[in-house]
Amino acid sequence: MRVFIDTNLWAYRLDQREPVKSRRITSWLADVTQNHEVVISTQVLIELRSVATRKLRPPLSDRQISGLLEALSGFEVVPTDSTLLLDAHQLAISEQLSWFDALIVEAAIRSRCDVLFSEDLSHGRQIAGMTLCNPLQNDNPGFV
């Protein structure tokens, strides 16, 4: 199955301020990346670098960030281009999504993902035949 993983889930793996959530997501990510075709976007890489340098305490070192970005670049990365931006704008309007959520959803749609994993979107919602799923939801035993 092709799955798109949003920035917040990668960030929880790195954030030790919430050790229970971090352990849970670390285990979940290991399972998902081993058993599914993972897709991310340039937006995910950009946002994750920002989180790693600005929000994590302590922030990751330059070397750690380089390793993180290189590792995630091993997955399929959907580039953000002007067409994706224009389509995301229309998606934001039609689906009543925030701008940044629409960019993520559009990237996942373009890459033909079956599931978009995110904590920020409506769990169980369907958009363009793709299911939005929050793996931190307790009613989601198949994915966590």
C-alpha atoms as a PDB file:
ATOM      1  CA  MET A   1       0.000   0.000   0.000  1.00  0.00           C
ATOM      2  CA  ARG A   2       1.221   3.522  -0.825  1.00  0.00           C
ATOM      3  CA  VAL A   3       1.121   5.817   2.198  1.00  0.00           C
ATOM      4  CA  PHE A   4       1.992   9.458   2.708  1.00  0.00           C
ATOM      5  CA  ILE A   5       3.343  10.447   6.138  1.00  0.00           C
ATOM      6  CA  ASP A   6       2.882  14.058   7.258  1.00  0.00           C
ATOM      7  CA  THR A   7       5.575  16.088   9.009  1.00  0.00           C
ATOM      8  CA  ASN A   8       4.070  15.970  12.486  1.00  0.00           C
ATOM      9  CA  LEU A   9       4.465  12.204  12.752  1.00  0.00           C
ATOM     10  CA  TRP A  10       8.152  12.312  11.805  1.00  0.00           C
ATOM     11  CA  ALA A  11       8.609  15.162  14.304  1.00  0.00           C
ATOM     12  CA  TYR A  12       7.062  13.170  17.176  1.00  0.00           C
ATOM     13  CA  ARG A  13       9.662  10.481  16.606  1.00  0.00           C
ATOM     14  CA  LEU A  14      12.379  13.077  17.276  1.00  0.00           C
ATOM     15  CA  ASP A  15      10.698  14.954  20.127  1.00  0.00           C
ATOM     16  CA  GLN A  16      11.672  13.486  23.472  1.00  0.00           C
ATOM     17  CA  ARG A  17       9.512  15.941  25.446  1.00  0.00           C
ATOM     18  CA  GLU A  18       6.624  13.472  25.045  1.00  0.00           C
ATOM     19  CA  PRO A  19       8.360  10.100  25.526  1.00  0.00           C
ATOM     20  CA  VAL A  20       5.206   7.954  25.373  1.00  0.00           C
ATOM     21  CA  LYS A  21       4.068   9.504  22.085  1.00  0.00           C
ATOM     22  CA  SER A  22       7.627   9.372  20.733  1.00  0.00           C
ATOM     23  CA  ARG A  23       7.990   5.647  21.513  1.00  0.00           C
ATOM     24  CA  ARG A  24       4.575   4.868  20.070  1.00  0.00           C
ATOM     25  CA  ILE A  25       5.282   6.747  16.834  1.00  0.00           C
ATOM     26  CA  THR A  26       8.806   5.312  16.558  1.00  0.00           C
ATOM     27  CA  SER A  27       7.386   1.793  16.700  1.00  0.00           C
ATOM     28  CA  TRP A  28       4.566   2.671  14.308  1.00  0.00           C
ATOM     29  CA  LEU A  29       6.960   4.303  11.796  1.00  0.00           C
ATOM     30  CA  ALA A  30       9.231   1.247  11.859  1.00  0.00           C
ATOM     31  CA  ASP A  31       6.272  -0.969  10.975  1.00  0.00           C
ATOM     32  CA  VAL A  32       4.866   1.334   8.297  1.00  0.00           C
ATOM     33  CA  THR A  33       8.196   2.000   6.576  1.00  0.00           C
ATOM     34  CA  GLN A  34       8.979  -1.715   6.512  1.00  0.00           C
ATOM     35  CA  ASN A  35       5.597  -2.860   5.211  1.00  0.00           C
ATOM     36  CA  HIS A  36       4.381  -0.068   2.943  1.00  0.00           C
ATOM     37  CA  GLU A  37       5.552   2.192   0.132  1.00  0.00           C
ATOM     38  CA  VAL A  38       6.200   5.517   1.892  1.00  0.00           C
ATOM     39  CA  VAL A  39       5.854   8.873   0.183  1.00  0.00           C
ATOM     40  CA  ILE A  40       6.668  12.352   1.488  1.00  0.00           C
ATOM     41  CA  SER A  41       6.989  15.754  -0.180  1.00  0.00           C
ATOM     42  CA  THR A  42       9.490  18.574  -0.284  1.00  0.00           C
ATOM     43  CA  GLN A  43       7.165  20.383   2.125  1.00  0.00           C
ATOM     44  CA  VAL A  44       7.665  17.594   4.685  1.00  0.00           C
ATOM     45  CA  LEU A  45      11.452  17.912   4.389  1.00  0.00           C
ATOM     46  CA  ILE A  46      11.301  21.706   4.745  1.00  0.00           C
ATOM     47  CA  GLU A  47       8.945  21.613   7.726  1.00  0.00           C
ATOM     48  CA  LEU A  48      10.885  18.857   9.481  1.00  0.00           C
ATOM     49  CA  ARG A  49      14.152  20.769   9.166  1.00  0.00           C
ATOM     50  CA  SER A  50      12.437  23.796  10.687  1.00  0.00           C
ATOM     51  CA  VAL A  51      11.071  21.727  13.584  1.00  0.00           C
ATOM     52  CA  ALA A  52      14.472  20.112  14.184  1.00  0.00           C
ATOM     53  CA  THR A  53      16.229  23.476  14.435  1.00  0.00           C
ATOM     54  CA  ARG A  54      13.563  25.643  16.065  1.00  0.00           C
ATOM     55  CA  LYS A  55      11.191  23.534  18.158  1.00  0.00           C
ATOM     56  CA  LEU A  56      13.117  20.525  19.441  1.00  0.00           C
ATOM     57  CA  ARG A  57      14.894  20.963  22.764  1.00  0.00           C
ATOM     58  CA  PRO A  58      17.736  20.478  22.412  1.00  0.00           C
ATOM     59  CA  PRO A  59      17.721  21.162  18.663  1.00  0.00           C
ATOM     60  CA  LEU A  60      19.388  18.633  16.399  1.00  0.00           C
ATOM     61  CA  SER A  61      22.942  19.337  15.317  1.00  0.00           C
ATOM     62  CA  ASP A  62      23.745  20.232  11.719  1.00  0.00           C
ATOM     63  CA  ARG A  63      25.153  16.733  11.251  1.00  0.00           C
ATOM     64  CA  GLN A  64      22.030  15.100  12.693  1.00  0.00           C
ATOM     65  CA  ILE A  65      19.797  17.212  10.443  1.00  0.00           C
ATOM     66  CA  SER A  66      21.865  16.263   7.398  1.00  0.00           C
ATOM     67  CA  GLY A  67      21.468  12.590   8.290  1.00  0.00           C
ATOM     68  CA  LEU A  68      17.744  12.999   8.868  1.00  0.00           C
ATOM     69  CA  LEU A  69      17.157  14.758   5.551  1.00  0.00           C
ATOM     70  CA  GLU A  70      19.289  12.222   3.678  1.00  0.00           C
ATOM     71  CA  ALA A  71      17.421   9.314   5.274  1.00  0.00           C
ATOM     72  CA  LEU A  72      13.991  10.751   4.450  1.00  0.00           C
ATOM     73  CA  SER A  73      15.120  11.570   0.910  1.00  0.00           C
ATOM     74  CA  GLY A  74      15.413   7.821   0.415  1.00  0.00           C
ATOM     75  CA  PHE A  75      11.615   7.667   0.261  1.00  0.00           C
ATOM     76  CA  GLU A  76       9.700   8.849  -2.773  1.00  0.00           C
ATOM     77  CA  VAL A  77       9.623  12.659  -2.537  1.00  0.00           C
ATOM     78  CA  VAL A  78       6.884  14.565  -4.358  1.00  0.00           C
ATOM     79  CA  PRO A  79       8.331  17.878  -5.576  1.00  0.00           C
ATOM     80  CA  THR A  80       6.382  21.063  -5.027  1.00  0.00           C
ATOM     81  CA  ASP A  81       5.923  22.863  -8.320  1.00  0.00           C
ATOM     82  CA  SER A  82       3.606  25.580  -9.596  1.00  0.00           C
ATOM     83  CA  THR A  83       1.000  23.065 -10.795  1.00  0.00           C
ATOM     84  CA  LEU A  84       0.841  21.431  -7.369  1.00  0.00           C
ATOM     85  CA  LEU A  85       0.437  24.898  -5.796  1.00  0.00           C
ATOM     86  CA  LEU A  86      -2.415  25.823  -8.130  1.00  0.00           C
ATOM     87  CA  ASP A  87      -4.179  22.498  -7.628  1.00  0.00           C
ATOM     88  CA  ALA A  88      -3.691  22.730  -3.846  1.00  0.00           C
ATOM     89  CA  HIS A  89      -5.296  26.170  -3.910  1.00  0.00           C
ATOM     90  CA  GLN A  90      -8.385  24.707  -5.603  1.00  0.00           C
ATOM     91  CA  LEU A  91      -8.369  21.762  -3.188  1.00  0.00           C
ATOM     92  CA  ALA A  92      -8.214  24.135  -0.203  1.00  0.00           C
ATOM     93  CA  ILE A  93     -11.311  25.885  -1.500  1.00  0.00           C
ATOM     94  CA  SER A  94     -13.303  22.799  -2.474  1.00  0.00           C
ATOM     95  CA  GLU A  95     -12.435  20.715   0.611  1.00  0.00           C
ATOM     96  CA  GLN A  96     -12.192  23.615   3.088  1.00  0.00           C
ATOM     97  CA  LEU A  97      -8.608  22.799   4.057  1.00  0.00           C
ATOM     98  CA  SER A  98      -5.947  25.114   5.390  1.00  0.00           C
ATOM     99  CA  TRP A  99      -3.313  26.095   2.832  1.00  0.00           C
ATOM    100  CA  PHE A 100      -0.546  23.896   4.251  1.00  0.00           C
ATOM    101  CA  ASP A 101      -2.880  20.927   4.729  1.00  0.00           C
ATOM    102  CA  ALA A 102      -4.047  21.311   1.106  1.00  0.00           C
ATOM    103  CA  LEU A 103      -0.431  21.200  -0.091  1.00  0.00           C
ATOM    104  CA  ILE A 104       0.128  17.933   1.798  1.00  0.00           C
ATOM    105  CA  VAL A 105      -3.155  16.404   0.609  1.00  0.00           C
ATOM    106  CA  GLU A 106      -2.479  17.398  -3.006  1.00  0.00           C
ATOM    107  CA  ALA A 107       1.014  15.867  -2.883  1.00  0.00           C
ATOM    108  CA  ALA A 108      -0.465  12.628  -1.511  1.00  0.00           C
ATOM    109  CA  ILE A 109      -3.178  12.587  -4.192  1.00  0.00           C
ATOM    110  CA  ARG A 110      -0.631  13.183  -6.971  1.00  0.00           C
ATOM    111  CA  SER A 111       1.496  10.288  -5.750  1.00  0.00           C
ATOM    112  CA  ARG A 112      -1.539   7.970  -5.791  1.00  0.00           C
ATOM    113  CA  CYS A 113      -1.405   7.183  -2.081  1.00  0.00           C
ATOM    114  CA  ASP A 114      -4.098   5.027  -0.535  1.00  0.00           C
ATOM    115  CA  VAL A 115      -3.692   6.590   2.913  1.00  0.00           C
ATOM    116  CA  LEU A 116      -2.449   9.933   4.200  1.00  0.00           C
ATOM    117  CA  PHE A 117      -1.256   9.653   7.797  1.00  0.00           C
ATOM    118  CA  SER A 118      -1.459  12.892   9.767  1.00  0.00           C
ATOM    119  CA  GLU A 119      -2.497  14.049  13.185  1.00  0.00           C
ATOM    120  CA  ASP A 120      -3.785  17.329  11.735  1.00  0.00           C
ATOM    121  CA  LEU A 121      -6.523  16.105   9.392  1.00  0.00           C
ATOM    122  CA  SER A 122      -9.979  14.629  10.007  1.00  0.00           C
ATOM    123  CA  HIS A 123      -9.478  10.953  10.865  1.00  0.00           C
ATOM    124  CA  GLY A 124     -11.436   8.701   8.495  1.00  0.00           C
ATOM    125  CA  ARG A 125     -12.228  11.398   5.948  1.00  0.00           C
ATOM    126  CA  GLN A 126     -11.981  10.462   2.263  1.00  0.00           C
ATOM    127  CA  ILE A 127     -10.590  12.860  -0.335  1.00  0.00           C
ATOM    128  CA  ALA A 128     -10.190  11.798  -3.961  1.00  0.00           C
ATOM    129  CA  GLY A 129     -10.392   8.124  -2.973  1.00  0.00           C
ATOM    130  CA  MET A 130      -7.659   8.478  -0.346  1.00  0.00           C
ATOM    131  CA  THR A 131      -8.272   7.909   3.369  1.00  0.00           C
ATOM    132  CA  LEU A 132      -6.996  10.373   5.963  1.00  0.00           C
ATOM    133  CA  CYS A 133      -5.814   8.536   9.034  1.00  0.00           C
ATOM    134  CA  ASN A 134      -4.518   9.659  12.420  1.00  0.00           C
ATOM    135  CA  PRO A 135      -2.363   6.787  13.712  1.00  0.00           C
ATOM    136  CA  LEU A 136      -2.569   8.228  17.232  1.00  0.00           C
ATOM    137  CA  GLN A 137      -6.332   7.632  17.389  1.00  0.00           C
ATOM    138  CA  ASN A 138      -7.191   4.849  19.806  1.00  0.00           C
ATOM    139  CA  ASP A 139      -9.860   3.516  17.437  1.00  0.00           C
ATOM    140  CA  ASN A 140      -7.233   2.760  14.816  1.00  0.00           C
ATOM    141  CA  PRO A 141      -5.753  -0.591  15.884  1.00  0.00           C
ATOM    142  CA  GLY A 142      -4.829  -1.627  12.344  1.00  0.00           C
ATOM    143  CA  PHE A 143      -2.252   1.094  11.975  1.00  0.00           C
ATOM    144  CA  VAL A 144      -0.837   1.604  15.471  1.00  0.00           C
END
